[in-house]
Amino acid sequence: MYLDQAKKKEIFEKHGKSATDTGSAESQIALFTFRISHLTEHLKQNHKDFGTARSLTKLVGRRRKLLKYLYNKDINRYRAIIKDLGLRK
């Protein structure tokens, strides 16, 4: 599986406050970004996989909502996560 417990722990350590910080907006955005990049690569090879395309669209929407929340809550944290993940916003 592409996303095992070790990879999740690594993402949460890097972007969250600790390895067990799974609920902060930054850690969730980082996890969604990792999953989005994996699904994007999958869809490049399997362009007729419409179920995966729908779940990719839902993930992008969830990440956008979290980014909007973070933008309204604390602009400095928003800018830091955008810069760290290399997102376009």
N, C-alpha and C. Protein backbone atom coordinates (compact mmCIF):
# COMPACT_ATOMS: atom_id res chain seq x y z
N MET A 1 0.85 -1.18 0.00
CA MET A 1 0.00 0.00 0.00
C MET A 1 0.89 1.24 0.00
N TYR A 2 0.46 2.26 -0.69
CA TYR A 2 1.28 3.45 -0.85
C TYR A 2 1.36 4.30 0.41
N LEU A 3 0.38 4.20 1.29
CA LEU A 3 0.34 5.04 2.48
C LEU A 3 0.25 4.15 3.72
N ASP A 4 1.39 3.76 4.24
CA ASP A 4 1.40 2.92 5.43
C ASP A 4 1.60 3.79 6.67
N GLN A 5 1.63 3.16 7.83
CA GLN A 5 1.72 3.89 9.09
C GLN A 5 3.03 4.67 9.21
N ALA A 6 4.10 4.12 8.69
CA ALA A 6 5.39 4.81 8.77
C ALA A 6 5.37 6.10 7.95
N LYS A 7 4.77 6.04 6.76
CA LYS A 7 4.70 7.24 5.91
C LYS A 7 3.81 8.30 6.55
N LYS A 8 2.68 7.88 7.13
CA LYS A 8 1.81 8.83 7.83
C LYS A 8 2.54 9.49 8.99
N LYS A 9 3.27 8.69 9.76
CA LYS A 9 4.02 9.22 10.90
C LYS A 9 5.05 10.24 10.44
N GLU A 10 5.72 9.94 9.33
CA GLU A 10 6.70 10.86 8.78
C GLU A 10 6.06 12.19 8.35
N ILE A 11 4.90 12.11 7.72
CA ILE A 11 4.19 13.33 7.29
C ILE A 11 3.76 14.14 8.50
N PHE A 12 3.23 13.47 9.53
CA PHE A 12 2.76 14.18 10.71
C PHE A 12 3.92 14.77 11.51
N GLU A 13 5.06 14.10 11.54
CA GLU A 13 6.23 14.65 12.22
C GLU A 13 6.73 15.91 11.52
N LYS A 14 6.73 15.87 10.20
CA LYS A 14 7.27 16.99 9.44
C LYS A 14 6.36 18.21 9.46
N HIS A 15 5.05 18.00 9.35
CA HIS A 15 4.13 19.13 9.19
C HIS A 15 3.28 19.41 10.41
N GLY A 16 3.16 18.47 11.33
CA GLY A 16 2.38 18.69 12.54
C GLY A 16 3.27 19.15 13.67
N LYS A 17 2.67 19.26 14.84
CA LYS A 17 3.43 19.67 16.01
C LYS A 17 4.24 18.51 16.58
N SER A 18 3.74 17.28 16.39
CA SER A 18 4.45 16.08 16.83
C SER A 18 4.03 14.92 15.95
N ALA A 19 4.55 13.74 16.24
CA ALA A 19 4.22 12.57 15.43
C ALA A 19 2.78 12.12 15.65
N THR A 20 2.22 12.46 16.80
CA THR A 20 0.85 12.05 17.10
C THR A 20 -0.16 13.15 16.80
N ASP A 21 0.29 14.28 16.26
CA ASP A 21 -0.60 15.39 15.93
C ASP A 21 -1.24 15.13 14.57
N THR A 22 -2.38 14.44 14.59
CA THR A 22 -3.03 14.07 13.34
C THR A 22 -4.20 14.98 13.01
N GLY A 23 -4.56 15.89 13.88
CA GLY A 23 -5.76 16.67 13.68
C GLY A 23 -5.54 18.11 13.28
N SER A 24 -4.31 18.59 13.34
CA SER A 24 -4.09 19.99 12.99
C SER A 24 -4.29 20.19 11.49
N ALA A 25 -4.63 21.40 11.12
CA ALA A 25 -4.91 21.70 9.72
C ALA A 25 -3.68 21.45 8.85
N GLU A 26 -2.50 21.80 9.35
CA GLU A 26 -1.28 21.62 8.56
C GLU A 26 -1.01 20.15 8.26
N SER A 27 -1.18 19.30 9.27
CA SER A 27 -0.91 17.88 9.05
C SER A 27 -1.95 17.26 8.11
N GLN A 28 -3.20 17.68 8.23
CA GLN A 28 -4.23 17.16 7.34
C GLN A 28 -4.00 17.62 5.90
N ILE A 29 -3.62 18.88 5.72
CA ILE A 29 -3.34 19.40 4.38
C ILE A 29 -2.16 18.65 3.76
N ALA A 30 -1.14 18.37 4.55
CA ALA A 30 0.02 17.63 4.05
C ALA A 30 -0.37 16.21 3.65
N LEU A 31 -1.20 15.57 4.45
CA LEU A 31 -1.65 14.22 4.13
C LEU A 31 -2.50 14.22 2.86
N PHE A 32 -3.42 15.17 2.75
CA PHE A 32 -4.24 15.27 1.54
C PHE A 32 -3.38 15.53 0.31
N THR A 33 -2.35 16.35 0.45
CA THR A 33 -1.48 16.66 -0.68
C THR A 33 -0.74 15.41 -1.14
N PHE A 34 -0.28 14.60 -0.20
CA PHE A 34 0.40 13.35 -0.55
C PHE A 34 -0.56 12.42 -1.29
N ARG A 35 -1.77 12.29 -0.77
CA ARG A 35 -2.76 11.42 -1.41
C ARG A 35 -3.16 11.94 -2.79
N ILE A 36 -3.29 13.26 -2.92
CA ILE A 36 -3.65 13.85 -4.21
C ILE A 36 -2.57 13.58 -5.25
N SER A 37 -1.31 13.72 -4.85
CA SER A 37 -0.23 13.46 -5.81
C SER A 37 -0.20 11.99 -6.23
N HIS A 38 -0.49 11.09 -5.29
CA HIS A 38 -0.52 9.67 -5.64
C HIS A 38 -1.67 9.37 -6.60
N LEU A 39 -2.86 9.91 -6.33
CA LEU A 39 -4.01 9.66 -7.20
C LEU A 39 -3.82 10.29 -8.58
N THR A 40 -3.14 11.43 -8.62
CA THR A 40 -2.88 12.07 -9.90
C THR A 40 -1.99 11.20 -10.78
N GLU A 41 -0.96 10.61 -10.18
CA GLU A 41 -0.09 9.70 -10.93
C GLU A 41 -0.86 8.47 -11.40
N HIS A 42 -1.75 7.96 -10.56
CA HIS A 42 -2.57 6.81 -10.93
C HIS A 42 -3.46 7.14 -12.12
N LEU A 43 -4.06 8.33 -12.10
CA LEU A 43 -4.97 8.70 -13.18
C LEU A 43 -4.26 9.01 -14.49
N LYS A 44 -2.98 9.34 -14.43
CA LYS A 44 -2.23 9.53 -15.67
C LYS A 44 -2.10 8.23 -16.44
N GLN A 45 -2.03 7.11 -15.72
CA GLN A 45 -1.92 5.81 -16.36
C GLN A 45 -3.29 5.19 -16.63
N ASN A 46 -4.28 5.48 -15.79
CA ASN A 46 -5.61 4.88 -15.89
C ASN A 46 -6.65 5.98 -16.05
N HIS A 47 -6.71 6.57 -17.21
CA HIS A 47 -7.56 7.74 -17.40
C HIS A 47 -9.05 7.43 -17.41
N LYS A 48 -9.42 6.17 -17.51
CA LYS A 48 -10.84 5.82 -17.48
C LYS A 48 -11.34 5.38 -16.11
N ASP A 49 -10.53 5.54 -15.09
CA ASP A 49 -10.90 5.17 -13.73
C ASP A 49 -11.69 6.32 -13.10
N PHE A 50 -12.99 6.30 -13.32
CA PHE A 50 -13.83 7.43 -12.92
C PHE A 50 -14.08 7.48 -11.42
N GLY A 51 -14.04 6.35 -10.75
CA GLY A 51 -14.18 6.34 -9.30
C GLY A 51 -13.02 7.04 -8.61
N THR A 52 -11.83 6.79 -9.09
CA THR A 52 -10.66 7.46 -8.55
C THR A 52 -10.68 8.94 -8.89
N ALA A 53 -11.17 9.28 -10.07
CA ALA A 53 -11.26 10.70 -10.46
C ALA A 53 -12.22 11.43 -9.52
N ARG A 54 -13.30 10.79 -9.15
CA ARG A 54 -14.26 11.42 -8.25
C ARG A 54 -13.65 11.60 -6.85
N SER A 55 -12.95 10.58 -6.37
CA SER A 55 -12.34 10.70 -5.05
C SER A 55 -11.21 11.74 -5.05
N LEU A 56 -10.52 11.89 -6.17
CA LEU A 56 -9.51 12.94 -6.28
C LEU A 56 -10.16 14.32 -6.19
N THR A 57 -11.28 14.48 -6.86
CA THR A 57 -11.99 15.76 -6.81
C THR A 57 -12.46 16.07 -5.39
N LYS A 58 -12.94 15.06 -4.68
CA LYS A 58 -13.38 15.27 -3.30
C LYS A 58 -12.21 15.63 -2.40
N LEU A 59 -11.07 14.99 -2.59
CA LEU A 59 -9.88 15.31 -1.79
C LEU A 59 -9.40 16.74 -2.03
N VAL A 60 -9.43 17.16 -3.29
CA VAL A 60 -9.01 18.53 -3.60
C VAL A 60 -9.96 19.52 -2.93
N GLY A 61 -11.24 19.21 -2.90
CA GLY A 61 -12.21 20.08 -2.23
C GLY A 61 -11.98 20.14 -0.73
N ARG A 62 -11.67 19.00 -0.12
CA ARG A 62 -11.39 18.99 1.32
C ARG A 62 -10.15 19.82 1.64
N ARG A 63 -9.12 19.64 0.81
CA ARG A 63 -7.89 20.40 1.04
C ARG A 63 -8.14 21.90 0.86
N ARG A 64 -8.94 22.26 -0.14
CA ARG A 64 -9.26 23.67 -0.37
C ARG A 64 -10.01 24.27 0.81
N LYS A 65 -10.94 23.50 1.39
CA LYS A 65 -11.67 23.98 2.56
C LYS A 65 -10.75 24.18 3.75
N LEU A 66 -9.83 23.25 3.97
CA LEU A 66 -8.88 23.40 5.07
C LEU A 66 -7.95 24.58 4.85
N LEU A 67 -7.52 24.79 3.61
CA LEU A 67 -6.67 25.94 3.31
C LEU A 67 -7.42 27.25 3.53
N LYS A 68 -8.69 27.27 3.16
CA LYS A 68 -9.50 28.48 3.38
C LYS A 68 -9.66 28.74 4.87
N TYR A 69 -9.90 27.69 5.65
CA TYR A 69 -10.00 27.83 7.11
C TYR A 69 -8.70 28.39 7.68
N LEU A 70 -7.59 27.84 7.26
CA LEU A 70 -6.30 28.28 7.77
C LEU A 70 -5.99 29.71 7.34
N TYR A 71 -6.40 30.08 6.13
CA TYR A 71 -6.21 31.45 5.65
C TYR A 71 -6.97 32.44 6.53
N ASN A 72 -8.21 32.09 6.89
CA ASN A 72 -9.02 32.98 7.72
C ASN A 72 -8.58 32.96 9.18
N LYS A 73 -8.05 31.85 9.64
CA LYS A 73 -7.67 31.70 11.05
C LYS A 73 -6.30 32.33 11.35
N ASP A 74 -5.30 31.97 10.56
CA ASP A 74 -3.94 32.45 10.82
C ASP A 74 -3.18 32.49 9.49
N ILE A 75 -2.99 33.69 8.95
CA ILE A 75 -2.39 33.85 7.63
C ILE A 75 -0.93 33.39 7.61
N ASN A 76 -0.22 33.51 8.72
CA ASN A 76 1.19 33.09 8.74
C ASN A 76 1.33 31.58 8.64
N ARG A 77 0.48 30.83 9.33
CA ARG A 77 0.49 29.37 9.22
C ARG A 77 0.11 28.95 7.81
N TYR A 78 -0.85 29.66 7.21
CA TYR A 78 -1.27 29.38 5.84
C TYR A 78 -0.10 29.55 4.87
N ARG A 79 0.59 30.68 4.98
CA ARG A 79 1.72 30.94 4.09
C ARG A 79 2.84 29.94 4.29
N ALA A 80 3.06 29.51 5.53
CA ALA A 80 4.11 28.55 5.82
C ALA A 80 3.81 27.19 5.18
N ILE A 81 2.58 26.73 5.28
CA ILE A 81 2.25 25.41 4.73
C ILE A 81 2.23 25.45 3.21
N ILE A 82 1.80 26.56 2.62
CA ILE A 82 1.80 26.71 1.18
C ILE A 82 3.24 26.66 0.65
N LYS A 83 4.13 27.36 1.32
CA LYS A 83 5.52 27.39 0.92
C LYS A 83 6.17 26.03 1.11
N ASP A 84 5.87 25.37 2.22
CA ASP A 84 6.47 24.09 2.55
C ASP A 84 6.05 22.99 1.57
N LEU A 85 4.78 23.00 1.18
CA LEU A 85 4.28 21.96 0.28
C LEU A 85 4.45 22.31 -1.19
N GLY A 86 4.75 23.58 -1.45
CA GLY A 86 4.94 23.98 -2.85
C GLY A 86 3.65 24.09 -3.63
N LEU A 87 2.58 24.48 -2.95
CA LEU A 87 1.30 24.66 -3.64
C LEU A 87 1.28 26.02 -4.32
N ARG A 88 0.42 26.19 -5.28
CA ARG A 88 0.43 27.40 -6.10
C ARG A 88 -0.19 28.60 -5.43
N LYS A 89 -1.06 28.40 -4.46
CA LYS A 89 -1.77 29.53 -3.87
C LYS A 89 -0.87 30.46 -3.13
